[in-house]
Amino acid sequence: MARPIWSGTISFGLVSVPVRMFTATSSQELRFHFLDRRDMAPIGYDKVNKETGEPVPADEIVRGFEFEKGRFVEVTEEDIDRLDVELTHAIDICDFVSIDEIDPLYFRKGYYLLPQEGAEKPYRLLVKALDETGRVAIAKVVIRNKQHLACLRPVGNALVLETMYYADEVRQPEAAPSPKVREAEVDMAKTLIENLAAKWDPERYHDNYRSELLDLLQKKAEGAPLPEREEEREGEVVDLMEALRQSVEATKRKRKKAPARKAS
């Protein structure tokens, strides 16, 4: 069984759900090592040959791939140039699909694609066609010596390319428990979700953890007293229906007060 990388709780209203976090993906990317050209031994961060312990001159450090345990082969720019130019310099569209069919778990990292000079019209044509059909392009592209699966989609007047995980990089979840829940509990939970529903606005969300960490580091640098460490609270087993009921009532009161604050 995989080991959890984090544990905590999902909280909404007065309801807390203790959970454990597991990695959902596993990259199959080829990893290169820095090697001593003279004997193909790997080099540590301090630029020392791990086999001899001797420092390695900068002009003797090369890139390499471990094709067997402890056996490396050098990878040069000439080796990369031998690959198909179309493979390494093209975004090859395979299919056009509905984005609703793609689980967000597959998305990796986003990039903006902008047209080169003279390509503005076909670029705009692709953006508009994707926008009006409601489809996205599934493609393959080589970035930094790795071929990625990718999704091209329109965002405003621009194209965004989002690299994706391949199917064999997405792990299947272990069977989740499925205890029986009462219909009344489901209805109450749905009411709570609707009471907390909002229009998506990315400006509403901020990295509080980063801000607090920077503040703590600033205080530490200035020699100021640091805040006391809070004791970790254990997840309590509570009456689920009562927690849902109280949360629904609290969100109702909050929604009623919102217009009054806005008017003032």
Protein backbone atom coordinates (compact mmCIF):
# COMPACT_ATOMS: atom_id res chain seq x y z
CA MET A 1 0.00 0.00 0.00
CA ALA A 2 1.34 3.46 -0.93
CA ARG A 3 2.38 5.72 1.93
CA PRO A 4 0.45 8.97 2.43
CA ILE A 5 2.47 12.17 1.87
CA TRP A 6 0.17 14.35 4.00
CA SER A 7 -2.75 14.00 6.40
CA GLY A 8 -5.31 16.55 7.56
CA THR A 9 -8.96 17.45 7.16
CA ILE A 10 -11.35 18.76 4.54
CA SER A 11 -13.41 21.47 6.26
CA PHE A 12 -16.59 23.15 5.06
CA GLY A 13 -18.96 24.84 7.47
CA LEU A 14 -18.72 22.93 10.75
CA VAL A 15 -18.05 19.63 8.98
CA SER A 16 -14.55 18.15 9.08
CA VAL A 17 -13.52 15.10 7.07
CA PRO A 18 -10.12 13.64 8.06
CA VAL A 19 -8.21 12.50 4.96
CA ARG A 20 -4.81 11.21 3.84
CA MET A 21 -3.08 12.42 0.68
CA PHE A 22 -1.40 10.12 -1.86
CA THR A 23 0.39 11.08 -5.08
CA ALA A 24 -1.93 10.60 -8.05
CA THR A 25 0.70 10.72 -10.82
CA SER A 26 4.15 9.28 -11.41
CA SER A 27 6.34 10.94 -14.03
CA GLN A 28 8.02 8.62 -16.55
CA GLU A 29 10.41 11.37 -17.68
CA LEU A 30 13.97 10.37 -18.57
CA ARG A 31 16.38 11.80 -16.02
CA PHE A 32 19.92 12.73 -17.02
CA HIS A 33 22.98 12.82 -14.77
CA PHE A 34 26.16 14.87 -14.84
CA LEU A 35 29.12 12.59 -15.55
CA ASP A 36 32.89 12.73 -15.56
CA ARG A 37 33.73 12.36 -19.27
CA ARG A 38 36.94 10.48 -18.46
CA ASP A 39 35.32 7.43 -16.79
CA MET A 40 31.53 8.06 -17.04
CA ALA A 41 31.21 8.19 -13.24
CA PRO A 42 28.39 10.37 -11.83
CA ILE A 43 29.23 13.75 -10.31
CA GLY A 44 27.75 15.12 -7.08
CA TYR A 45 26.49 18.65 -6.47
CA ASP A 46 29.97 19.63 -5.26
CA LYS A 47 31.42 18.60 -8.71
CA VAL A 48 33.35 15.69 -7.25
CA ASN A 49 33.68 12.31 -8.97
CA LYS A 50 31.64 9.94 -6.76
CA GLU A 51 33.96 7.03 -7.57
CA THR A 52 37.37 8.66 -7.01
CA GLY A 53 36.43 11.59 -4.76
CA GLU A 54 38.51 13.89 -6.98
CA PRO A 55 37.26 17.32 -8.20
CA VAL A 56 36.12 17.34 -11.83
CA PRO A 57 37.06 20.26 -14.14
CA ALA A 58 34.09 22.03 -15.73
CA ASP A 59 35.18 21.06 -19.27
CA GLU A 60 35.08 17.36 -18.31
CA ILE A 61 31.45 17.41 -17.09
CA VAL A 62 28.96 15.93 -19.55
CA ARG A 63 25.30 14.88 -19.54
CA GLY A 64 24.45 11.20 -19.43
CA PHE A 65 21.67 8.63 -19.06
CA GLU A 66 21.72 5.61 -16.72
CA PHE A 67 20.55 2.80 -19.03
CA GLU A 68 21.44 0.07 -16.47
CA LYS A 69 22.16 0.29 -12.76
CA GLY A 70 25.58 1.95 -12.52
CA ARG A 71 26.11 2.09 -16.31
CA PHE A 72 25.85 5.43 -18.10
CA VAL A 73 25.98 6.68 -21.68
CA GLU A 74 26.82 10.26 -22.67
CA VAL A 75 24.07 12.36 -24.30
CA THR A 76 25.35 15.15 -26.57
CA GLU A 77 23.64 17.96 -28.46
CA GLU A 78 24.55 16.10 -31.65
CA ASP A 79 22.53 13.11 -30.40
CA ILE A 80 19.51 15.37 -29.88
CA ASP A 81 19.96 16.90 -33.34
CA ARG A 82 19.80 13.42 -34.92
CA LEU A 83 16.13 13.17 -33.94
CA ASP A 84 13.40 14.02 -36.44
CA VAL A 85 13.22 17.82 -36.81
CA GLU A 86 9.43 17.66 -37.20
CA LEU A 87 9.21 15.69 -33.96
CA THR A 88 11.23 18.23 -31.99
CA HIS A 89 9.91 21.45 -33.54
CA ALA A 90 6.22 20.81 -34.09
CA ILE A 91 3.03 20.60 -32.08
CA ASP A 92 1.39 17.64 -33.78
CA ILE A 93 -2.41 17.63 -33.27
CA CYS A 94 -3.85 14.12 -32.91
CA ASP A 95 -7.54 14.69 -32.10
CA PHE A 96 -10.13 17.31 -31.21
CA VAL A 97 -12.15 16.41 -28.10
CA SER A 98 -14.55 17.97 -25.62
CA ILE A 99 -12.67 19.39 -22.64
CA ASP A 100 -15.44 18.10 -20.37
CA GLU A 101 -14.23 14.57 -21.15
CA ILE A 102 -10.74 15.25 -19.72
CA ASP A 103 -10.18 14.64 -16.02
CA PRO A 104 -8.25 17.68 -14.64
CA LEU A 105 -5.89 15.17 -13.00
CA TYR A 106 -4.19 14.80 -16.39
CA PHE A 107 -3.19 18.47 -16.67
CA ARG A 108 0.39 19.35 -15.80
CA LYS A 109 1.59 22.88 -16.69
CA GLY A 110 0.29 25.73 -18.83
CA TYR A 111 2.04 27.79 -21.51
CA TYR A 112 0.79 30.65 -23.70
CA LEU A 113 1.18 30.17 -27.45
CA LEU A 114 1.39 33.37 -29.49
CA PRO A 115 1.76 33.64 -33.28
CA GLN A 116 5.02 34.45 -35.00
CA GLU A 117 5.07 37.38 -37.42
CA GLY A 118 2.88 36.68 -40.45
CA ALA A 119 0.93 33.87 -38.77
CA GLU A 120 -1.68 36.06 -37.06
CA LYS A 121 -4.60 35.08 -39.34
CA PRO A 122 -4.29 31.25 -39.18
CA TYR A 123 -3.62 31.58 -35.45
CA ARG A 124 -6.83 33.61 -35.00
CA LEU A 125 -8.71 31.13 -37.18
CA LEU A 126 -7.70 28.22 -34.92
CA VAL A 127 -8.61 30.15 -31.75
CA LYS A 128 -12.04 31.07 -33.12
CA ALA A 129 -12.77 27.58 -34.49
CA LEU A 130 -11.90 25.93 -31.17
CA ASP A 131 -13.96 28.48 -29.26
CA GLU A 132 -17.07 28.07 -31.43
CA THR A 133 -16.95 24.25 -31.56
CA GLY A 134 -16.33 23.95 -27.82
CA ARG A 135 -13.49 21.52 -28.48
CA VAL A 136 -9.80 21.41 -27.59
CA ALA A 137 -6.89 19.93 -29.54
CA ILE A 138 -4.97 16.96 -28.16
CA ALA A 139 -1.40 17.06 -29.43
CA LYS A 140 2.15 15.88 -28.87
CA VAL A 141 5.09 18.22 -28.42
CA VAL A 142 8.74 17.82 -27.41
CA ILE A 143 9.89 20.26 -24.70
CA ARG A 144 13.31 19.91 -23.07
CA ASN A 145 14.01 16.44 -24.45
CA LYS A 146 10.66 14.97 -23.36
CA GLN A 147 7.66 14.32 -25.56
CA HIS A 148 4.54 15.57 -23.80
CA LEU A 149 0.91 14.89 -24.41
CA ALA A 150 -0.72 18.33 -24.56
CA CYS A 151 -4.04 20.13 -24.77
CA LEU A 152 -4.47 23.32 -26.84
CA ARG A 153 -7.43 25.44 -25.81
CA PRO A 154 -8.57 29.01 -26.39
CA VAL A 155 -8.41 31.51 -23.52
CA GLY A 156 -9.81 34.85 -24.63
CA ASN A 157 -8.02 35.67 -27.90
CA ALA A 158 -5.01 33.48 -27.14
CA LEU A 159 -4.10 29.80 -27.25
CA VAL A 160 -2.94 28.00 -24.13
CA LEU A 161 -0.97 24.76 -24.33
CA GLU A 162 -1.26 22.60 -21.22
CA THR A 163 1.11 19.67 -20.95
CA MET A 164 -0.56 16.49 -19.73
CA TYR A 165 0.31 13.20 -18.09
CA TYR A 166 0.13 10.05 -20.19
CA ALA A 167 -2.26 7.32 -19.04
CA ASP A 168 0.57 5.21 -17.55
CA GLU A 169 1.65 8.20 -15.43
CA VAL A 170 -1.72 8.52 -13.69
CA ARG A 171 -2.09 6.13 -10.79
CA GLN A 172 -5.37 4.38 -10.09
CA PRO A 173 -6.84 5.14 -6.65
CA GLU A 174 -7.25 2.42 -4.08
CA ALA A 175 -10.83 1.43 -3.40
CA ALA A 176 -12.50 4.15 -1.33
CA PRO A 177 -14.80 3.08 1.53
CA SER A 178 -18.51 3.32 0.76
CA PRO A 179 -20.54 3.32 3.97
CA LYS A 180 -24.28 3.92 3.68
CA VAL A 181 -25.47 7.51 4.07
CA ARG A 182 -29.04 8.63 4.65
CA GLU A 183 -30.89 10.60 1.99
CA ALA A 184 -31.54 13.36 4.54
CA GLU A 185 -27.80 13.71 5.11
CA VAL A 186 -27.17 13.95 1.35
CA ASP A 187 -29.87 16.62 0.97
CA MET A 188 -28.41 18.62 3.86
CA ALA A 189 -24.90 18.39 2.39
CA LYS A 190 -26.22 19.54 -1.02
CA THR A 191 -27.95 22.50 0.66
CA LEU A 192 -24.69 23.45 2.37
CA ILE A 193 -22.81 23.26 -0.95
CA GLU A 194 -25.40 25.50 -2.63
CA ASN A 195 -25.21 28.00 0.24
CA LEU A 196 -21.44 28.19 -0.20
CA ALA A 197 -21.62 28.32 -4.02
CA ALA A 198 -19.96 31.31 -5.72
CA LYS A 199 -18.91 32.49 -9.15
CA TRP A 200 -15.29 31.58 -9.97
CA ASP A 201 -13.05 34.57 -9.30
CA PRO A 202 -9.32 33.74 -9.00
CA GLU A 203 -8.63 37.15 -7.40
CA ARG A 204 -10.50 36.00 -4.28
CA TYR A 205 -7.86 33.41 -3.40
CA HIS A 206 -4.44 34.19 -1.96
CA ASP A 207 -1.47 32.16 -0.75
CA ASN A 208 -1.86 32.80 3.00
CA TYR A 209 0.76 30.19 3.86
CA ARG A 210 3.41 31.96 1.76
CA SER A 211 2.53 35.35 3.28
CA GLU A 212 2.73 34.02 6.84
CA LEU A 213 5.99 32.21 6.13
CA LEU A 214 7.58 35.38 4.67
CA ASP A 215 6.34 37.35 7.68
CA LEU A 216 7.84 34.78 10.06
CA LEU A 217 11.19 34.84 8.22
CA GLN A 218 11.19 38.65 8.31
CA LYS A 219 10.62 38.62 12.08
CA LYS A 220 13.33 36.01 12.51
CA ALA A 221 15.80 38.09 10.48
CA GLU A 222 15.00 41.15 12.63
CA GLY A 223 15.32 39.20 15.88
CA ALA A 224 11.68 39.80 16.77
CA PRO A 225 9.82 37.26 18.96
CA LEU A 226 8.22 34.44 16.98
CA PRO A 227 4.60 33.33 17.48
CA GLU A 228 3.95 30.31 19.68
CA ARG A 229 3.48 27.05 17.85
CA GLU A 230 -0.15 25.97 17.81
CA GLU A 231 -0.97 22.50 19.06
CA GLU A 232 -2.20 20.15 16.38
CA ARG A 233 -5.87 19.36 16.86
CA GLU A 234 -7.01 15.82 16.31
CA GLY A 235 -10.04 15.19 14.10
CA GLU A 236 -13.11 14.82 16.27
CA VAL A 237 -15.87 12.35 15.59
CA VAL A 238 -19.03 14.47 15.61
CA ASP A 239 -22.72 14.00 14.87
CA LEU A 240 -22.60 14.48 11.09
CA MET A 241 -26.26 15.48 10.72
CA GLU A 242 -26.02 18.03 13.52
CA ALA A 243 -22.81 19.50 12.06
CA LEU A 244 -24.48 19.80 8.66
CA ARG A 245 -27.60 21.40 10.16
CA GLN A 246 -25.58 24.00 12.10
CA SER A 247 -23.43 24.75 9.02
CA VAL A 248 -26.52 25.28 6.83
CA GLU A 249 -28.01 27.67 9.41
CA ALA A 250 -24.72 29.57 9.71
CA THR A 251 -24.38 29.97 5.92
CA LYS A 252 -28.01 31.12 5.65
CA ARG A 253 -27.34 33.89 8.20
CA LYS A 254 -24.16 34.88 6.38
CA ARG A 255 -25.96 35.14 3.03
CA LYS A 256 -28.73 37.28 4.56
CA LYS A 257 -26.18 39.71 6.00
CA ALA A 258 -24.21 40.05 2.74
CA PRO A 259 -26.65 42.43 0.94
CA ALA A 260 -26.84 44.68 4.01
CA ARG A 261 -23.06 45.04 4.11
CA LYS A 262 -23.00 45.76 0.38
CA ALA A 263 -25.66 48.47 0.70
CA SER A 264 -23.77 50.20 3.49
